[in-house]
Amino acid sequence: MIIHHATRAHASRPRRAFTLVELLVVIAIIGILVGLLLPAVQAAREAARRMSCSNNLKQLGIALHNYHGAYKRLPTYKGGTWVNGLDGTTDSDNRMDLSIWVGLTPYMEQQALWGQISNPNTGIENSNGRRTPPWPAMGPRTSQASYPPWQVEIPTLRCPSDPGTGLPAMGRTNYAACVGDSVVLMDQGPWYQVNHVVTSPPIAVAVEANASCRGAFVARKSMRFRDVLDGLSNTIFAGEITTDLGDRDKRTIAAIRGEDEEIRDEPDHCEHEGYISPDRPRFWSDGSDGGTAPTLAASNQGRGFRWAAGGTVYTAMNTILPPNKDLCLGGESTGDENSMGIAPPSSRHQGGVHVLMGDGAVIFLTDSIEAGNVHHTNVWSGGTGESVPGAKSPYGLWGALGTRASRETVQEQLNQ
């Protein structure tokens, strides 16, 4: 009988397995590694989103320059069509309420969309039917949800860091035109209408517009690069805005119906009124947290909710309060999301926002940028001291960057 000793020895050898302690140690090590790696992965993803966001703004700067090269002027903020005698309910015009992005669509690879807007259109959103008569060329009111082009989300106008999507918004945008460092007439410009009939503005309106509308863009006025006497590299043309998520964020849903003069003379008016929650300073008070609940815009009138609209909350920003401060509008008892007021840029990035300079450069500015005296009166026709027409911006470097021709000297290297 032959005995295989090797086989017998192998059979008698006990099998080695992981003990429970060893498994727990391995799991703990893996957990630690994941815990260390996950923040780095998230940071890398946000860095990529932030770069994409900056690139979108860069593309819009190129589009602006190409538009100016073609037409020798900038797209008009709150331009468009107006039929005298009508109140807008027939959708025969767009009530001169278009954003600057509408005219730029052919220059950001949206020629097909521009074709739909610039010609009469019979389409109806979410319907197989046809409108009779067709929508007018350049579209109806920007609040008309049945007009398909106003519902389009243009990729170039969306920042990947903003999670907002879908209803109650129409086509969202994360970028807004800079209208300067004063709230006076920022929503109207040198424009006047009586009983739905546009007429030449009274001298007082023209004088006020010249004094207070100091940004690269002026409502319903044709602007050119030559108007930017401070230099294109020293003037903000556009900036980021983050869209509303329905959470009472003071940056993304406007407190409305404030007193115009109070906001003009005290830019942090809403904070003084106690509208900001003492418990959550990034949000408006609901009245149950020790603060005072403000009147807010409707839930479908959030920041950036209509890419085609020129209204204040939709596609306008100013350089009065620093980035990511509160959205505080006036208009008295009839005020709404389109009224004049404080409209800082905002973003979901950590610590600041991207802005587009007139020369096409995109710069990241922090929330702590030097902003002068935020309690100072805006520059306007009746201003005194540092608020007289033609004065340098009372809002420091931040205000200076928002004005086109106030002769400020910018000594900081913004792009370094």
Protein backbone atom coordinates (compact mmCIF):
# COMPACT_ATOMS: atom_id res chain seq x y z
CA MET A 1 0.00 0.00 0.00
CA ILE A 2 1.41 3.29 -1.07
CA ILE A 3 0.77 6.29 1.16
CA HIS A 4 0.99 9.74 -0.42
CA HIS A 5 2.48 11.78 2.42
CA ALA A 6 2.29 15.10 0.57
CA THR A 7 -1.42 14.71 -0.04
CA ARG A 8 -2.02 13.68 3.53
CA ALA A 9 -0.03 16.66 4.81
CA HIS A 10 -1.96 19.02 2.55
CA ALA A 11 -5.28 17.62 3.66
CA SER A 12 -4.41 18.01 7.31
CA ARG A 13 -3.25 21.65 6.96
CA PRO A 14 -5.97 24.07 8.31
CA ARG A 15 -7.28 26.71 5.90
CA ARG A 16 -6.41 30.33 6.67
CA ALA A 17 -9.34 32.87 6.67
CA PHE A 18 -9.84 36.51 7.68
CA THR A 19 -10.89 37.02 11.23
CA LEU A 20 -13.73 39.35 12.12
CA VAL A 21 -11.27 41.86 13.56
CA GLU A 22 -9.23 41.88 10.34
CA LEU A 23 -12.37 42.45 8.25
CA LEU A 24 -13.42 45.34 10.47
CA VAL A 25 -9.96 46.89 10.18
CA VAL A 26 -10.03 46.64 6.38
CA ILE A 27 -13.52 48.13 6.23
CA ALA A 28 -12.43 50.96 8.55
CA ILE A 29 -9.38 51.69 6.37
CA ILE A 30 -11.53 51.75 3.23
CA GLY A 31 -14.00 54.07 4.97
CA ILE A 32 -11.22 56.45 5.97
CA LEU A 33 -9.80 56.48 2.45
CA VAL A 34 -13.23 57.19 0.97
CA GLY A 35 -13.79 59.91 3.53
CA LEU A 36 -10.50 61.51 2.57
CA LEU A 37 -11.02 61.08 -1.15
CA LEU A 38 -14.66 62.16 -1.48
CA PRO A 39 -14.10 65.86 -0.61
CA ALA A 40 -11.23 65.93 -3.10
CA VAL A 41 -13.46 64.42 -5.80
CA GLN A 42 -16.24 66.89 -5.02
CA ALA A 43 -13.77 69.78 -5.10
CA ALA A 44 -12.42 68.60 -8.44
CA ARG A 45 -15.93 68.36 -9.86
CA GLU A 46 -16.80 71.87 -8.67
CA ALA A 47 -13.53 73.18 -10.11
CA ALA A 48 -14.54 71.68 -13.47
CA ARG A 49 -18.03 73.16 -13.20
CA ARG A 50 -16.59 76.53 -12.27
CA MET A 51 -14.24 76.44 -15.26
CA SER A 52 -17.16 75.56 -17.55
CA CYS A 53 -19.17 78.42 -16.04
CA SER A 54 -16.31 80.83 -16.69
CA ASN A 55 -15.98 79.54 -20.24
CA ASN A 56 -19.68 80.22 -20.90
CA LEU A 57 -19.21 83.81 -19.81
CA LYS A 58 -16.15 84.03 -22.04
CA GLN A 59 -18.23 82.85 -25.00
CA LEU A 60 -20.81 85.53 -24.24
CA GLY A 61 -18.03 88.11 -24.26
CA ILE A 62 -16.95 86.93 -27.71
CA ALA A 63 -20.57 87.09 -28.86
CA LEU A 64 -20.84 90.69 -27.61
CA HIS A 65 -17.73 91.70 -29.53
CA ASN A 66 -18.92 89.97 -32.69
CA TYR A 67 -22.30 91.67 -32.38
CA HIS A 68 -20.63 95.06 -31.93
CA GLY A 69 -18.39 94.35 -34.90
CA ALA A 70 -21.45 93.66 -37.05
CA TYR A 71 -23.78 96.44 -35.88
CA LYS A 72 -21.34 98.99 -34.38
CA ARG A 73 -23.31 98.97 -31.16
CA LEU A 74 -24.17 96.68 -28.26
CA PRO A 75 -27.46 94.78 -28.03
CA THR A 76 -30.02 96.99 -26.32
CA TYR A 77 -30.96 96.12 -22.78
CA LYS A 78 -34.80 96.11 -22.65
CA GLY A 79 -35.07 96.69 -26.38
CA GLY A 80 -37.61 95.15 -28.70
CA THR A 81 -40.98 96.08 -30.19
CA TRP A 82 -43.84 98.29 -29.02
CA VAL A 83 -47.21 99.00 -30.63
CA ASN A 84 -48.62 102.32 -29.44
CA GLY A 85 -52.05 102.21 -27.87
CA LEU A 86 -51.93 98.54 -26.85
CA ASP A 87 -51.46 97.28 -23.29
CA GLY A 88 -49.64 94.09 -24.28
CA THR A 89 -52.45 91.64 -23.59
CA THR A 90 -52.93 90.95 -27.31
CA ASP A 91 -49.29 89.81 -27.63
CA SER A 92 -48.77 92.00 -30.69
CA ASP A 93 -45.36 93.10 -29.40
CA ASN A 94 -42.85 92.29 -26.66
CA ARG A 95 -43.33 95.60 -24.80
CA MET A 96 -39.68 96.56 -25.24
CA ASP A 97 -38.63 94.10 -22.57
CA LEU A 98 -36.01 91.89 -24.23
CA SER A 99 -32.75 90.96 -22.57
CA ILE A 100 -29.43 91.48 -24.31
CA TRP A 101 -29.21 87.70 -24.80
CA VAL A 102 -32.00 87.64 -27.40
CA GLY A 103 -30.03 89.66 -29.91
CA LEU A 104 -26.91 87.60 -29.21
CA THR A 105 -28.46 84.23 -30.08
CA PRO A 106 -26.98 84.14 -33.61
CA TYR A 107 -23.55 84.81 -32.11
CA MET A 108 -23.67 81.96 -29.58
CA GLU A 109 -24.51 79.22 -32.08
CA GLN A 110 -28.27 79.56 -31.73
CA GLN A 111 -29.09 80.60 -35.30
CA ALA A 112 -32.10 78.27 -35.46
CA LEU A 113 -33.57 79.81 -32.32
CA TRP A 114 -32.94 83.30 -33.70
CA GLY A 115 -34.78 82.30 -36.85
CA GLN A 116 -37.83 81.35 -34.79
CA ILE A 117 -37.74 84.61 -32.86
CA SER A 118 -37.01 87.06 -35.68
CA ASN A 119 -39.79 85.74 -37.91
CA PRO A 120 -43.52 85.26 -37.28
CA ASN A 121 -43.98 81.97 -35.45
CA THR A 122 -47.10 79.80 -35.21
CA GLY A 123 -45.84 77.26 -32.68
CA ILE A 124 -47.51 76.75 -29.30
CA GLU A 125 -45.55 75.33 -26.38
CA ASN A 126 -46.55 71.75 -25.48
CA SER A 127 -49.18 71.65 -28.20
CA ASN A 128 -49.50 70.32 -31.74
CA GLY A 129 -51.79 73.20 -32.61
CA ARG A 130 -50.90 76.37 -34.48
CA ARG A 131 -51.51 79.95 -33.40
CA THR A 132 -53.67 82.15 -35.59
CA PRO A 133 -52.58 84.83 -36.17
CA PRO A 134 -48.88 83.91 -35.75
CA TRP A 135 -46.79 85.29 -32.94
CA PRO A 136 -45.20 88.57 -34.11
CA ALA A 137 -41.58 88.82 -35.22
CA MET A 138 -39.37 89.30 -32.13
CA GLY A 139 -41.99 87.57 -30.05
CA PRO A 140 -44.79 88.48 -27.64
CA ARG A 141 -44.49 89.48 -23.98
CA THR A 142 -41.61 87.70 -22.28
CA SER A 143 -44.09 86.36 -19.70
CA GLN A 144 -45.99 84.48 -22.44
CA ALA A 145 -45.38 80.83 -21.54
CA SER A 146 -47.07 79.56 -24.74
CA TYR A 147 -44.36 81.05 -26.97
CA PRO A 148 -41.84 78.22 -27.55
CA PRO A 149 -38.60 80.26 -27.86
CA TRP A 150 -39.07 81.82 -24.43
CA GLN A 151 -39.10 78.31 -22.91
CA VAL A 152 -35.78 77.21 -24.42
CA GLU A 153 -32.83 76.64 -22.06
CA ILE A 154 -29.70 77.76 -23.88
CA PRO A 155 -26.64 75.79 -22.69
CA THR A 156 -24.33 78.81 -22.97
CA LEU A 157 -26.56 80.71 -20.52
CA ARG A 158 -26.44 77.99 -17.83
CA CYS A 159 -23.75 77.60 -15.20
CA PRO A 160 -23.20 73.90 -14.30
CA SER A 161 -22.82 74.83 -10.62
CA ASP A 162 -26.45 75.98 -10.46
CA PRO A 163 -28.78 73.05 -9.66
CA GLY A 164 -31.97 74.93 -10.59
CA THR A 165 -33.99 73.39 -13.41
CA GLY A 166 -37.52 73.20 -14.76
CA LEU A 167 -40.73 74.72 -13.44
CA PRO A 168 -41.77 77.19 -12.15
CA ALA A 169 -39.15 78.89 -14.30
CA MET A 170 -39.30 79.29 -18.06
CA GLY A 171 -35.90 79.23 -19.81
CA ARG A 172 -33.34 79.93 -17.08
CA THR A 173 -30.19 82.02 -17.33
CA ASN A 174 -27.22 82.39 -14.98
CA TYR A 175 -25.85 85.58 -16.51
CA ALA A 176 -27.05 89.19 -16.34
CA ALA A 177 -26.15 92.56 -17.88
CA CYS A 178 -24.51 95.22 -15.73
CA VAL A 179 -26.54 98.45 -15.48
CA GLY A 180 -24.21 100.43 -13.23
CA ASP A 181 -24.04 101.66 -9.63
CA SER A 182 -27.36 103.50 -9.23
CA VAL A 183 -30.95 102.28 -8.94
CA VAL A 184 -32.58 105.43 -10.30
CA LEU A 185 -34.22 104.73 -13.71
CA MET A 186 -32.23 101.49 -14.03
CA ASP A 187 -35.47 99.79 -15.12
CA GLN A 188 -36.57 102.49 -17.58
CA GLY A 189 -33.67 104.55 -18.89
CA PRO A 190 -34.38 107.66 -20.99
CA TRP A 191 -37.77 106.35 -22.05
CA TYR A 192 -41.30 107.59 -21.47
CA GLN A 193 -44.80 106.40 -22.27
CA VAL A 194 -48.25 107.75 -21.44
CA ASN A 195 -51.37 105.61 -21.85
CA HIS A 196 -49.33 102.99 -23.72
CA VAL A 197 -48.03 105.56 -26.21
CA VAL A 198 -44.26 106.13 -26.32
CA THR A 199 -43.32 109.80 -26.48
CA SER A 200 -40.16 111.85 -26.20
CA PRO A 201 -39.12 111.89 -22.54
CA PRO A 202 -39.52 115.10 -20.55
CA ILE A 203 -36.31 117.01 -19.97
CA ALA A 204 -36.29 115.92 -16.32
CA VAL A 205 -36.28 112.24 -17.32
CA ALA A 206 -33.48 112.75 -19.84
CA VAL A 207 -31.41 114.64 -17.27
CA GLU A 208 -31.98 111.95 -14.65
CA ALA A 209 -31.03 109.16 -17.03
CA ASN A 210 -27.80 110.92 -17.95
CA ALA A 211 -26.95 111.37 -14.27
CA SER A 212 -27.82 107.95 -12.87
CA CYS A 213 -27.70 105.35 -15.66
CA ARG A 214 -23.95 104.81 -15.47
CA GLY A 215 -23.43 101.20 -16.54
CA ALA A 216 -22.25 99.65 -19.79
CA PHE A 217 -25.91 98.93 -20.53
CA VAL A 218 -28.74 101.44 -20.20
CA ALA A 219 -32.37 100.43 -20.49
CA ARG A 220 -33.84 101.15 -23.94
CA LYS A 221 -30.81 103.09 -25.10
CA SER A 222 -28.34 102.11 -27.80
CA MET A 223 -24.83 101.85 -26.34
CA ARG A 224 -21.42 101.48 -27.97
CA PHE A 225 -17.89 100.60 -26.92
CA ARG A 226 -16.95 104.24 -27.44
CA ASP A 227 -19.28 105.18 -24.56
CA VAL A 228 -17.07 103.24 -22.12
CA LEU A 229 -14.61 106.03 -21.33
CA ASP A 230 -13.17 104.23 -18.30
CA GLY A 231 -11.79 101.54 -20.61
CA LEU A 232 -13.23 98.17 -21.54
CA SER A 233 -10.79 96.32 -19.28
CA ASN A 234 -11.98 98.36 -16.28
CA THR A 235 -15.74 98.00 -16.81
CA ILE A 236 -18.03 95.10 -15.97
CA PHE A 237 -20.41 94.19 -18.78
CA ALA A 238 -22.10 91.13 -17.24
CA GLY A 239 -21.99 88.90 -14.20
CA GLU A 240 -23.28 85.66 -12.75
CA ILE A 241 -26.65 85.20 -11.10
CA THR A 242 -27.88 82.02 -9.43
CA THR A 243 -31.45 80.94 -9.99
CA ASP A 244 -34.12 80.46 -7.35
CA LEU A 245 -34.79 77.09 -5.69
CA GLY A 246 -37.92 78.11 -3.79
CA ASP A 247 -36.19 78.34 -0.41
CA ARG A 248 -36.53 82.11 0.36
CA ASP A 249 -32.85 82.69 -0.47
CA LYS A 250 -32.36 86.46 -0.28
CA ARG A 251 -30.14 86.33 -3.39
CA THR A 252 -32.66 84.61 -5.63
CA ILE A 253 -36.17 85.79 -4.77
CA ALA A 254 -36.72 89.54 -4.56
CA ALA A 255 -38.19 91.48 -1.68
CA ILE A 256 -40.43 93.90 -3.59
CA ARG A 257 -42.50 97.06 -3.08
CA GLY A 258 -39.86 98.89 -1.09
CA GLU A 259 -39.70 102.67 -0.99
CA ASP A 260 -37.70 103.95 -3.96
CA GLU A 261 -36.09 106.86 -2.14
CA GLU A 262 -35.20 104.70 0.84
CA ILE A 263 -33.42 102.18 -1.37
CA ARG A 264 -31.66 104.94 -3.30
CA ASP A 265 -30.42 106.61 -0.10
CA GLU A 266 -29.79 103.45 1.95
CA PRO A 267 -28.77 100.51 -0.26
CA ASP A 268 -29.00 98.01 2.61
CA HIS A 269 -32.61 99.06 3.17
CA CYS A 270 -33.98 95.52 3.39
CA GLU A 271 -31.49 94.58 6.09
CA HIS A 272 -32.38 97.71 8.08
CA GLU A 273 -36.05 96.80 7.83
CA GLY A 274 -35.31 93.45 9.48
CA TYR A 275 -36.35 91.41 6.46
CA ILE A 276 -33.38 89.03 6.75
CA SER A 277 -33.79 86.06 9.08
CA PRO A 278 -31.77 86.44 12.32
CA ASP A 279 -31.38 82.66 12.46
CA ARG A 280 -30.43 82.11 8.80
CA PRO A 281 -28.74 85.25 7.42
CA ARG A 282 -28.74 83.91 3.85
CA PHE A 283 -32.56 83.79 3.79
CA TRP A 284 -35.53 86.12 4.10
CA SER A 285 -37.43 86.04 7.38
CA ASP A 286 -40.83 84.37 7.49
CA GLY A 287 -41.90 86.45 10.49
CA SER A 288 -41.60 83.61 13.00
CA ASP A 289 -37.87 83.88 13.63
CA GLY A 290 -37.64 87.34 15.16
CA GLY A 291 -37.50 89.13 11.81
CA THR A 292 -40.08 90.84 9.60
CA ALA A 293 -41.42 88.94 6.60
CA PRO A 294 -41.04 91.04 3.42
CA THR A 295 -43.34 91.00 0.42
CA LEU A 296 -41.67 88.62 -2.00
CA ALA A 297 -42.02 88.26 -5.75
CA ALA A 298 -44.19 85.40 -7.00
CA SER A 299 -42.74 81.90 -7.03
CA ASN A 300 -42.45 81.94 -10.84
CA GLN A 301 -40.56 85.26 -10.77
CA GLY A 302 -37.29 84.06 -9.32
CA ARG A 303 -33.82 85.26 -10.23
CA GLY A 304 -32.84 84.24 -13.77
CA PHE A 305 -36.20 82.57 -14.49
CA ARG A 306 -36.65 84.11 -17.98
CA TRP A 307 -33.60 84.31 -20.22
CA ALA A 308 -35.39 86.52 -22.76
CA ALA A 309 -36.78 89.07 -20.28
CA GLY A 310 -35.04 92.31 -19.43
CA GLY A 311 -36.69 92.62 -16.01
CA THR A 312 -34.45 93.36 -13.04
CA VAL A 313 -34.58 89.91 -11.42
CA TYR A 314 -34.25 88.08 -14.71
CA THR A 315 -31.22 89.53 -16.49
CA ALA A 316 -29.92 92.65 -14.72
CA MET A 317 -27.26 93.27 -12.06
CA ASN A 318 -25.71 96.33 -10.49
CA THR A 319 -22.59 97.14 -8.47
CA ILE A 320 -23.95 98.71 -5.31
CA LEU A 321 -23.99 95.99 -2.64
CA PRO A 322 -21.19 93.38 -3.02
CA PRO A 323 -21.77 90.00 -4.68
CA ASN A 324 -24.16 87.52 -3.05
CA LYS A 325 -26.02 90.19 -1.04
CA ASP A 326 -29.79 90.62 -0.93
CA LEU A 327 -32.11 91.25 -3.87
CA CYS A 328 -34.10 94.29 -2.65
CA LEU A 329 -36.44 96.09 -5.08
CA GLY A 330 -38.63 99.16 -4.86
CA GLY A 331 -41.63 100.30 -6.84
CA GLU A 332 -43.72 101.29 -3.82
CA SER A 333 -47.22 99.74 -3.73
CA THR A 334 -47.10 98.70 -7.40
CA GLY A 335 -43.58 97.31 -7.39
CA ASP A 336 -42.76 93.93 -8.87
CA GLU A 337 -39.83 91.84 -10.06
CA ASN A 338 -39.09 94.37 -12.81
CA SER A 339 -38.74 97.40 -10.54
CA MET A 340 -35.59 99.34 -9.75
CA GLY A 341 -33.53 98.24 -6.78
CA ILE A 342 -30.50 96.45 -5.43
CA ALA A 343 -29.61 93.51 -7.69
CA PRO A 344 -26.13 92.13 -6.93
CA PRO A 345 -24.64 89.22 -8.88
CA SER A 346 -24.65 85.85 -7.15
CA SER A 347 -23.42 82.29 -7.64
CA ARG A 348 -23.21 78.79 -6.16
CA HIS A 349 -19.40 79.00 -6.19
CA GLN A 350 -17.62 79.34 -2.89
CA GLY A 351 -16.85 82.94 -1.96
CA GLY A 352 -17.59 84.98 -5.05
CA VAL A 353 -18.82 85.34 -8.63
CA HIS A 354 -17.50 85.53 -12.17
CA VAL A 355 -17.84 88.82 -14.04
CA LEU A 356 -17.28 89.62 -17.71
CA MET A 357 -15.22 92.72 -18.45
CA GLY A 358 -15.72 94.79 -21.57
CA ASP A 359 -12.50 93.53 -23.16
CA GLY A 360 -13.76 89.93 -22.92
CA ALA A 361 -11.79 88.95 -19.82
CA VAL A 362 -13.58 86.82 -17.21
CA ILE A 363 -12.57 87.52 -13.61
CA PHE A 364 -13.58 85.88 -10.33
CA LEU A 365 -14.36 88.55 -7.72
CA THR A 366 -14.84 87.68 -4.06
CA ASP A 367 -17.76 88.64 -1.84
CA SER A 368 -15.33 90.70 0.23
CA ILE A 369 -14.36 93.04 -2.62
CA GLU A 370 -13.84 96.63 -1.45
CA ALA A 371 -17.29 98.22 -1.82
CA GLY A 372 -16.96 101.64 -0.19
CA ASN A 373 -19.79 102.85 2.01
CA VAL A 374 -22.89 100.71 1.48
CA HIS A 375 -24.91 103.27 3.47
CA HIS A 376 -24.16 106.02 0.95
CA THR A 377 -26.75 107.55 -1.37
CA ASN A 378 -26.58 106.56 -5.04
CA VAL A 379 -25.39 109.08 -7.61
CA TRP A 380 -28.43 110.85 -9.08
CA SER A 381 -29.49 114.25 -10.46
CA GLY A 382 -30.46 115.58 -7.03
CA GLY A 383 -27.48 114.11 -5.21
CA THR A 384 -25.11 116.16 -3.09
CA GLY A 385 -21.52 115.68 -1.99
CA GLU A 386 -20.19 112.37 -3.32
CA SER A 387 -23.56 111.66 -4.94
CA VAL A 388 -23.61 114.55 -7.41
CA PRO A 389 -23.87 113.67 -11.12
CA GLY A 390 -20.49 112.73 -12.57
CA ALA A 391 -18.98 111.81 -9.19
CA LYS A 392 -16.85 108.74 -8.70
CA SER A 393 -18.77 105.77 -7.43
CA PRO A 394 -19.40 105.87 -3.66
CA TYR A 395 -19.13 102.07 -3.62
CA GLY A 396 -15.37 101.74 -3.88
CA LEU A 397 -13.66 99.40 -6.31
CA TRP A 398 -16.87 97.40 -6.78
CA GLY A 399 -18.86 100.46 -7.81
CA ALA A 400 -16.04 101.77 -9.98
CA LEU A 401 -15.99 98.56 -12.00
CA GLY A 402 -19.69 98.96 -12.72
CA THR A 403 -19.51 102.47 -14.17
CA ARG A 404 -18.49 103.17 -17.75
CA ALA A 405 -17.40 106.82 -17.61
CA SER A 406 -16.83 108.07 -14.07
CA ARG A 407 -13.07 108.56 -14.41
CA GLU A 408 -12.14 106.20 -11.57
CA THR A 409 -8.61 104.85 -11.49
CA VAL A 410 -8.45 101.07 -11.01
CA GLN A 411 -5.00 100.14 -9.76
CA GLU A 412 -5.58 96.50 -8.78
CA GLN A 413 -4.52 93.67 -11.11
CA LEU A 414 -7.94 92.07 -11.34
CA ASN A 415 -6.96 89.13 -13.54
CA GLN A 416 -4.05 87.89 -11.48
